[in-house]
Amino acid sequence: MTDPQNWQSPTNDGQNGPRYGEQVPPLAPPGGGPQPGWNVPSGWTPPPRPGLIPLRPLGFGTLLWAPYQVLRRNPKATFGSALLIQAVVTLATLVVVGSVTFFALSRVDSAPLAERDAVQAGAWVGIALSALVPIALSLVAGALLQGVIVLEVARATLGEKLRLAQLWRLVGRRLWPLALWTVLLSAVAVLALGLVTGAVVLFVTLGGAWVGLAVVLGIFGVLLFIAGAAWLGTKLSLVPCLIVLERLGLRKSVQRSWSLTRGYFWRTLGVQLLVAVIINVVSQVVVTPVSILFSVATSLVDPNAGFDTYLPSVILYVLVLFVSLVLGAVATVVQSATVALIYIDLRMRKEGLDLELARFVESAPGSGGTDPYLVGAGREAPGA
């Protein structure tokens, strides 16, 4: 193999080399591609990216702007899925909880005075149980939406553009592991908060000096919960990507997410946190004026007036609800896309996924090559 440092230009015979201080034009390697140590011509540019991102480890800026490109590149499949799912969950919440609440409160009003307390207690229990239906639906819907965005980012990186129906059909095969993972995360969070809250309430009921201990325990408990949620949430943030793209079970997905984020914890946390802050600031800027208008319009309504006086408030409420749905859909797409891009970037850095993706892109269309995101079958990933 030719040594790059001894390789000679066709215009140089190897004996009459350049004198000290003489400028030598840049030279390109015989193989044609840029390699370390070669002088690359100034006009050379890397090959264009095939799809959403360049096939190389991603910089911090790319991880910040690329999630928003997901919305622009395939809005029907991404934003459409998010808006449809959020609208269904919102409608189900209004219908189920609203109807149960109306029926329960009407029973309280019509109940005899002697039975009113018992009927009211039953009404609150019924309302609480009815809220479980939209909660369960939102967990499943959230898992489906996260899987859809992860798959869209993965295929967009390869230059593919799938339709909404295709994405839903492919993610549907991995829906139950995704939903189970979402339920487990929610259960752990509720259990941790329940333990802290229960301990604080217990010490408060004891009275005396225990109240001060309850305050201290509450403060440190909340701080510990936030730190633990940030740590575990970052280390396990790639689990949905692994379930969908590598088709792993829950246990292996947890182990592999823990392995991939090793050494990149702060970078992963920083990107996700910064994206969440940007989305929250933009949402507040858009929603706050509309909410203020709704509050002002509601305060000016005469309770004894007719329905016509309530019409502006109703219109503003519908507007607030619509804006919240749109911003919620955008936020969900961007945050899920951020996680998917972090997963791809970490595999590029630690496992050379960029080479597999480039090989897949350059292969003949319709050749039926192996899915580049799969691990195994002779391509076992390090640390998997």
Protein backbone atom coordinates (compact mmCIF):
# COMPACT_ATOMS: atom_id res chain seq x y z
CA MET A 1 0.00 0.00 0.00
CA THR A 2 1.33 3.46 -0.88
CA ASP A 3 2.52 5.51 2.08
CA PRO A 4 0.63 8.84 2.06
CA GLN A 5 3.71 10.74 3.18
CA ASN A 6 5.92 9.30 0.39
CA TRP A 7 3.33 9.45 -2.40
CA GLN A 8 4.47 11.70 -5.24
CA SER A 9 2.52 13.95 -7.53
CA PRO A 10 2.62 13.07 -11.26
CA THR A 11 4.38 16.43 -11.82
CA ASN A 12 7.15 15.52 -9.38
CA ASP A 13 9.73 12.85 -10.20
CA GLY A 14 10.50 12.27 -6.53
CA GLN A 15 14.02 13.71 -6.78
CA ASN A 16 13.43 17.40 -7.47
CA GLY A 17 11.14 17.98 -4.50
CA PRO A 18 9.88 21.37 -3.48
CA ARG A 19 12.33 23.73 -1.89
CA TYR A 20 11.87 25.11 1.59
CA GLY A 21 9.20 27.84 1.57
CA GLU A 22 7.80 26.87 -1.83
CA GLN A 23 4.00 26.45 -1.88
CA VAL A 24 2.82 23.04 -3.05
CA PRO A 25 -0.70 22.64 -4.50
CA PRO A 26 -2.97 20.33 -2.48
CA LEU A 27 -3.00 16.72 -3.58
CA ALA A 28 -5.78 14.16 -3.55
CA PRO A 29 -5.26 10.48 -2.63
CA PRO A 30 -5.27 7.90 -5.41
CA GLY A 31 -8.35 6.22 -3.92
CA GLY A 32 -10.46 9.31 -4.48
CA GLY A 33 -11.89 9.73 -0.98
CA PRO A 34 -10.60 11.96 1.81
CA GLN A 35 -8.40 10.11 4.28
CA PRO A 36 -6.49 11.33 7.33
CA GLY A 37 -3.12 12.69 6.31
CA TRP A 38 -4.07 13.47 2.68
CA ASN A 39 -4.15 16.95 1.21
CA VAL A 40 -7.67 17.34 -0.17
CA PRO A 41 -8.36 19.74 -3.07
CA SER A 42 -10.11 22.90 -1.98
CA GLY A 43 -12.97 22.25 -4.39
CA TRP A 44 -13.81 18.88 -2.88
CA THR A 45 -17.05 18.59 -0.95
CA PRO A 46 -18.49 15.60 0.92
CA PRO A 47 -21.38 13.76 -0.72
CA PRO A 48 -24.79 15.27 0.00
CA ARG A 49 -26.86 13.75 2.77
CA PRO A 50 -29.40 11.24 1.49
CA GLY A 51 -32.21 12.45 3.71
CA LEU A 52 -32.80 14.20 7.00
CA ILE A 53 -29.25 14.37 8.36
CA PRO A 54 -25.70 13.81 7.09
CA LEU A 55 -24.43 10.27 7.62
CA ARG A 56 -21.80 11.14 10.19
CA PRO A 57 -21.76 11.79 13.95
CA LEU A 58 -23.99 14.78 14.59
CA GLY A 59 -22.95 18.06 16.13
CA PHE A 60 -24.84 19.76 18.94
CA GLY A 61 -26.44 22.25 16.54
CA THR A 62 -27.69 19.51 14.22
CA LEU A 63 -29.33 17.73 17.15
CA LEU A 64 -31.17 20.97 17.93
CA TRP A 65 -32.45 21.94 14.48
CA ALA A 66 -32.98 18.53 12.85
CA PRO A 67 -36.08 17.65 14.98
CA TYR A 68 -37.87 20.69 13.52
CA GLN A 69 -36.94 19.51 10.01
CA VAL A 70 -38.91 16.34 10.72
CA LEU A 71 -42.08 18.44 10.81
CA ARG A 72 -41.29 20.13 7.50
CA ARG A 73 -40.14 17.02 5.67
CA ASN A 74 -43.20 14.84 6.25
CA PRO A 75 -45.89 16.93 7.98
CA LYS A 76 -48.83 14.67 7.15
CA ALA A 77 -47.28 11.61 8.78
CA THR A 78 -45.70 13.38 11.76
CA PHE A 79 -47.78 16.42 12.67
CA GLY A 80 -50.91 14.73 11.31
CA SER A 81 -50.40 11.68 13.53
CA ALA A 82 -49.72 13.82 16.59
CA LEU A 83 -52.70 16.09 16.03
CA LEU A 84 -55.05 13.17 15.34
CA ILE A 85 -53.95 11.23 18.41
CA GLN A 86 -54.13 14.25 20.71
CA ALA A 87 -57.54 15.21 19.36
CA VAL A 88 -58.87 11.68 19.98
CA VAL A 89 -57.52 11.64 23.55
CA THR A 90 -58.96 15.10 24.26
CA LEU A 91 -62.34 14.18 22.80
CA ALA A 92 -62.42 10.93 24.79
CA THR A 93 -61.61 12.84 27.96
CA LEU A 94 -64.36 15.37 27.38
CA VAL A 95 -66.93 12.73 26.50
CA VAL A 96 -66.15 10.13 29.18
CA VAL A 97 -65.23 12.34 32.12
CA GLY A 98 -67.72 15.05 31.15
CA SER A 99 -70.68 12.67 30.85
CA VAL A 100 -69.84 10.82 34.06
CA THR A 101 -69.38 14.11 35.93
CA PHE A 102 -72.69 15.50 34.66
CA PHE A 103 -74.56 12.29 35.61
CA ALA A 104 -72.89 12.05 39.03
CA LEU A 105 -73.53 15.66 40.00
CA SER A 106 -77.13 15.49 38.82
CA ARG A 107 -77.61 12.50 41.12
CA VAL A 108 -76.20 14.51 44.02
CA ASP A 109 -78.63 17.36 43.36
CA SER A 110 -81.63 15.03 43.18
CA ALA A 111 -80.65 12.85 46.16
CA PRO A 112 -82.56 13.17 49.49
CA LEU A 113 -80.82 15.33 52.08
CA ALA A 114 -80.17 12.36 54.38
CA GLU A 115 -78.39 10.40 51.61
CA ARG A 116 -76.62 13.33 49.96
CA ASP A 117 -73.23 12.76 51.64
CA ALA A 118 -73.09 9.11 50.57
CA VAL A 119 -74.21 9.94 47.05
CA GLN A 120 -71.65 12.72 46.80
CA ALA A 121 -68.84 10.39 47.93
CA GLY A 122 -69.91 7.85 45.32
CA ALA A 123 -70.04 10.57 42.69
CA TRP A 124 -66.42 11.59 43.33
CA VAL A 125 -65.32 7.95 43.19
CA GLY A 126 -67.14 7.52 39.88
CA ILE A 127 -65.52 10.66 38.45
CA ALA A 128 -62.07 9.48 39.56
CA LEU A 129 -62.60 6.05 38.01
CA SER A 130 -63.83 7.59 34.76
CA ALA A 131 -60.57 9.54 34.52
CA LEU A 132 -58.70 6.22 34.29
CA VAL A 133 -60.14 5.61 30.83
CA PRO A 134 -58.58 8.66 29.12
CA ILE A 135 -55.38 8.12 31.12
CA ALA A 136 -55.04 4.57 29.79
CA LEU A 137 -55.93 5.77 26.30
CA SER A 138 -53.35 8.56 26.48
CA LEU A 139 -50.64 6.10 27.54
CA VAL A 140 -51.31 3.81 24.59
CA ALA A 141 -51.68 6.75 22.21
CA GLY A 142 -48.47 8.34 23.47
CA ALA A 143 -46.58 5.09 22.95
CA LEU A 144 -47.95 4.78 19.41
CA LEU A 145 -47.03 8.37 18.56
CA GLN A 146 -43.50 8.03 19.94
CA GLY A 147 -42.98 4.88 17.88
CA VAL A 148 -44.29 6.60 14.75
CA ILE A 149 -41.89 9.53 15.12
CA VAL A 150 -38.93 7.25 15.88
CA LEU A 151 -39.59 5.17 12.78
CA GLU A 152 -40.11 8.27 10.63
CA VAL A 153 -36.77 9.75 11.71
CA ALA A 154 -34.99 6.45 11.09
CA ARG A 155 -36.38 6.06 7.58
CA ALA A 156 -35.99 9.78 6.78
CA THR A 157 -32.29 9.43 7.56
CA LEU A 158 -32.12 6.91 4.70
CA GLY A 159 -33.97 9.25 2.34
CA GLU A 160 -37.28 7.36 2.59
CA LYS A 161 -40.64 9.06 3.07
CA LEU A 162 -43.37 6.80 4.42
CA ARG A 163 -47.05 7.60 4.48
CA LEU A 164 -49.07 7.85 7.67
CA ALA A 165 -50.77 4.48 7.13
CA GLN A 166 -47.42 2.76 6.54
CA LEU A 167 -45.93 4.18 9.72
CA TRP A 168 -48.91 3.20 11.83
CA ARG A 169 -48.94 -0.32 10.40
CA LEU A 170 -45.23 -0.88 11.04
CA VAL A 171 -45.31 0.58 14.55
CA GLY A 172 -48.46 -1.38 15.37
CA ARG A 173 -46.36 -4.55 15.49
CA ARG A 174 -44.38 -3.10 18.40
CA LEU A 175 -47.23 -1.22 20.07
CA TRP A 176 -47.71 -3.43 23.11
CA PRO A 177 -44.07 -3.41 24.24
CA LEU A 178 -44.11 0.37 23.80
CA ALA A 179 -47.33 0.73 25.77
CA LEU A 180 -46.05 -1.59 28.51
CA TRP A 181 -42.89 0.49 28.82
CA THR A 182 -44.94 3.69 29.09
CA VAL A 183 -47.12 2.15 31.79
CA LEU A 184 -44.07 0.97 33.75
CA LEU A 185 -42.49 4.43 33.66
CA SER A 186 -45.73 6.06 34.78
CA ALA A 187 -46.19 3.52 37.58
CA VAL A 188 -42.65 4.11 38.90
CA ALA A 189 -43.18 7.89 38.86
CA VAL A 190 -46.53 7.64 40.65
CA LEU A 191 -45.10 5.23 43.22
CA ALA A 192 -42.13 7.50 43.97
CA LEU A 193 -44.33 10.57 44.35
CA GLY A 194 -46.77 8.56 46.45
CA LEU A 195 -44.03 7.51 48.88
CA VAL A 196 -42.81 11.09 49.33
CA THR A 197 -46.35 12.46 49.71
CA GLY A 198 -47.36 9.70 52.13
CA ALA A 199 -44.34 10.31 54.34
CA VAL A 200 -44.97 14.07 54.43
CA VAL A 201 -48.67 13.60 55.30
CA LEU A 202 -47.77 11.09 58.02
CA PHE A 203 -45.36 13.47 59.74
CA VAL A 204 -47.80 16.38 59.45
CA THR A 205 -50.53 14.37 61.18
CA LEU A 206 -48.16 13.65 64.09
CA GLY A 207 -47.94 17.40 64.77
CA GLY A 208 -45.39 19.27 66.85
CA ALA A 209 -41.78 19.01 65.80
CA TRP A 210 -42.73 16.45 63.17
CA VAL A 211 -44.22 19.23 61.02
CA GLY A 212 -40.78 20.79 60.54
CA LEU A 213 -39.37 17.39 59.62
CA ALA A 214 -42.21 16.98 57.14
CA VAL A 215 -41.28 20.27 55.45
CA VAL A 216 -37.61 19.28 55.20
CA LEU A 217 -38.54 15.81 53.96
CA GLY A 218 -40.88 17.31 51.38
CA ILE A 219 -38.21 19.66 50.00
CA PHE A 220 -35.48 17.02 49.84
CA GLY A 221 -37.95 14.44 48.56
CA VAL A 222 -38.97 16.64 45.64
CA LEU A 223 -35.35 17.47 44.82
CA LEU A 224 -34.41 13.80 44.98
CA PHE A 225 -37.36 12.91 42.76
CA ILE A 226 -36.33 15.50 40.16
CA ALA A 227 -32.71 14.31 40.19
CA GLY A 228 -33.72 10.67 39.96
CA ALA A 229 -36.19 11.38 37.15
CA ALA A 230 -33.53 13.27 35.19
CA TRP A 231 -30.95 10.52 35.69
CA LEU A 232 -33.16 7.53 34.97
CA GLY A 233 -35.07 9.38 32.26
CA THR A 234 -31.84 10.16 30.42
CA LYS A 235 -30.29 6.71 30.82
CA LEU A 236 -33.50 4.99 29.67
CA SER A 237 -34.61 7.55 27.08
CA LEU A 238 -33.54 5.35 24.15
CA VAL A 239 -35.73 2.39 25.11
CA PRO A 240 -38.57 3.28 22.66
CA CYS A 241 -36.04 3.54 19.81
CA LEU A 242 -34.64 0.12 20.65
CA ILE A 243 -38.08 -1.45 20.88
CA VAL A 244 -39.11 -0.12 17.47
CA LEU A 245 -35.89 -0.11 15.43
CA GLU A 246 -33.98 -3.05 16.91
CA ARG A 247 -37.11 -5.01 17.89
CA LEU A 248 -35.80 -5.85 21.34
CA GLY A 249 -37.74 -6.82 24.43
CA LEU A 250 -38.06 -4.59 27.46
CA ARG A 251 -35.17 -6.06 29.47
CA LYS A 252 -32.68 -5.97 26.59
CA SER A 253 -33.85 -2.51 25.58
CA VAL A 254 -33.20 -1.20 29.09
CA GLN A 255 -29.73 -2.78 29.18
CA ARG A 256 -28.82 -1.48 25.75
CA SER A 257 -30.10 2.06 26.43
CA TRP A 258 -28.00 2.11 29.58
CA SER A 259 -24.97 0.97 27.57
CA LEU A 260 -25.41 3.42 24.67
CA THR A 261 -25.74 6.47 26.93
CA ARG A 262 -22.63 5.52 28.94
CA GLY A 263 -20.12 8.32 28.52
CA TYR A 264 -22.68 10.63 26.89
CA PHE A 265 -25.04 11.27 29.80
CA TRP A 266 -24.61 15.04 30.05
CA ARG A 267 -24.74 15.53 26.29
CA THR A 268 -27.94 13.50 26.05
CA LEU A 269 -29.53 15.31 28.99
CA GLY A 270 -28.44 18.73 27.73
CA VAL A 271 -29.90 18.28 24.25
CA GLN A 272 -33.24 17.01 25.53
CA LEU A 273 -33.45 19.68 28.22
CA LEU A 274 -32.60 22.52 25.84
CA VAL A 275 -35.16 21.34 23.28
CA ALA A 276 -37.82 21.09 26.00
CA VAL A 277 -37.02 24.63 27.21
CA ILE A 278 -37.25 26.05 23.68
CA ILE A 279 -40.60 24.36 23.10
CA ASN A 280 -41.97 25.51 26.45
CA VAL A 281 -40.92 29.14 25.87
CA VAL A 282 -42.49 29.21 22.41
CA SER A 283 -45.68 27.61 23.74
CA GLN A 284 -45.98 30.15 26.54
CA VAL A 285 -45.46 33.04 24.12
CA VAL A 286 -48.30 31.76 21.92
CA VAL A 287 -50.76 30.50 24.54
CA THR A 288 -50.45 33.23 27.19
CA PRO A 289 -52.10 36.09 25.21
CA VAL A 290 -55.03 33.88 24.23
CA SER A 291 -55.45 32.67 27.82
CA ILE A 292 -55.41 36.24 29.12
CA LEU A 293 -58.10 37.23 26.62
CA PHE A 294 -60.21 34.25 27.72
CA SER A 295 -59.86 35.18 31.40
CA VAL A 296 -60.79 38.82 30.72
CA ALA A 297 -63.78 37.85 28.58
CA THR A 298 -65.01 35.40 31.23
CA SER A 299 -64.73 37.99 34.02
CA LEU A 300 -66.82 40.49 32.04
CA VAL A 301 -69.72 38.07 31.46
CA ASP A 302 -72.87 38.74 33.46
CA PRO A 303 -73.98 35.43 35.08
CA ASN A 304 -77.64 36.40 34.73
CA ALA A 305 -77.40 37.27 31.03
CA GLY A 306 -78.36 35.06 28.13
CA PHE A 307 -76.26 32.70 26.05
CA ASP A 308 -75.26 35.44 23.60
CA THR A 309 -73.05 37.06 26.23
CA TYR A 310 -71.20 33.75 26.73
CA LEU A 311 -70.50 33.32 23.00
CA PRO A 312 -67.17 35.27 22.95
CA SER A 313 -65.93 33.24 25.93
CA VAL A 314 -66.91 29.98 24.24
CA ILE A 315 -65.12 31.00 21.05
CA LEU A 316 -61.99 31.96 22.98
CA TYR A 317 -62.11 28.69 24.92
CA VAL A 318 -62.29 26.70 21.68
CA LEU A 319 -59.40 28.79 20.34
CA VAL A 320 -57.32 28.08 23.46
CA LEU A 321 -58.09 24.37 23.14
CA PHE A 322 -57.15 24.34 19.45
CA VAL A 323 -53.90 26.22 20.01
CA SER A 324 -53.01 23.88 22.87
CA LEU A 325 -53.65 20.84 20.67
CA VAL A 326 -51.47 22.21 17.86
CA LEU A 327 -48.62 23.17 20.18
CA GLY A 328 -48.89 19.86 22.01
CA ALA A 329 -48.64 17.99 18.71
CA VAL A 330 -45.58 20.01 17.65
CA ALA A 331 -43.92 19.51 21.04
CA THR A 332 -44.49 15.76 20.98
CA VAL A 333 -43.08 15.39 17.47
CA VAL A 334 -39.99 17.51 18.20
CA GLN A 335 -39.19 15.82 21.51
CA SER A 336 -39.65 12.29 20.12
CA ALA A 337 -37.57 13.18 17.06
CA THR A 338 -34.83 14.52 19.35
CA VAL A 339 -34.61 11.20 21.16
CA ALA A 340 -34.48 9.29 17.86
CA LEU A 341 -31.67 11.53 16.56
CA ILE A 342 -29.71 11.09 19.78
CA TYR A 343 -30.04 7.32 19.38
CA ILE A 344 -28.77 7.44 15.80
CA ASP A 345 -25.92 9.77 16.76
CA LEU A 346 -24.78 7.54 19.65
CA ARG A 347 -24.76 4.47 17.44
CA MET A 348 -22.75 6.37 14.83
CA ARG A 349 -20.20 7.37 17.46
CA LYS A 350 -19.95 4.05 19.27
CA GLU A 351 -20.82 1.40 16.67
CA GLY A 352 -20.14 2.88 13.24
CA LEU A 353 -23.79 3.00 12.25
CA ASP A 354 -23.00 5.73 9.72
CA LEU A 355 -21.08 3.17 7.64
CA GLU A 356 -24.02 0.75 7.71
CA LEU A 357 -26.45 3.50 6.73
CA ALA A 358 -24.21 4.69 3.89
CA ARG A 359 -23.81 1.11 2.63
CA PHE A 360 -27.58 0.65 2.71
CA VAL A 361 -28.20 3.93 0.86
CA GLU A 362 -25.65 3.10 -1.83
CA SER A 363 -26.98 -0.42 -2.41
CA ALA A 364 -29.16 -1.10 -5.44
CA PRO A 365 -32.84 -0.17 -4.93
CA GLY A 366 -34.96 -3.21 -4.24
CA SER A 367 -31.96 -5.40 -3.43
CA GLY A 368 -33.56 -6.38 -0.11
CA GLY A 369 -30.53 -5.56 2.05
CA THR A 370 -30.50 -6.11 5.79
CA ASP A 371 -32.15 -3.39 7.86
CA PRO A 372 -29.16 -1.26 8.95
CA TYR A 373 -30.68 -0.52 12.34
CA LEU A 374 -30.91 -4.17 13.36
CA VAL A 375 -28.17 -5.55 15.58
CA GLY A 376 -27.14 -9.19 15.32
CA ALA A 377 -26.81 -11.81 12.57
CA GLY A 378 -23.07 -11.23 12.25
CA ARG A 379 -23.26 -7.53 13.20
CA GLU A 380 -23.34 -7.79 16.96
CA ALA A 381 -22.97 -4.34 18.50
CA PRO A 382 -20.28 -3.68 21.09
CA GLY A 383 -21.69 -3.66 24.59
CA ALA A 384 -25.08 -4.97 23.49
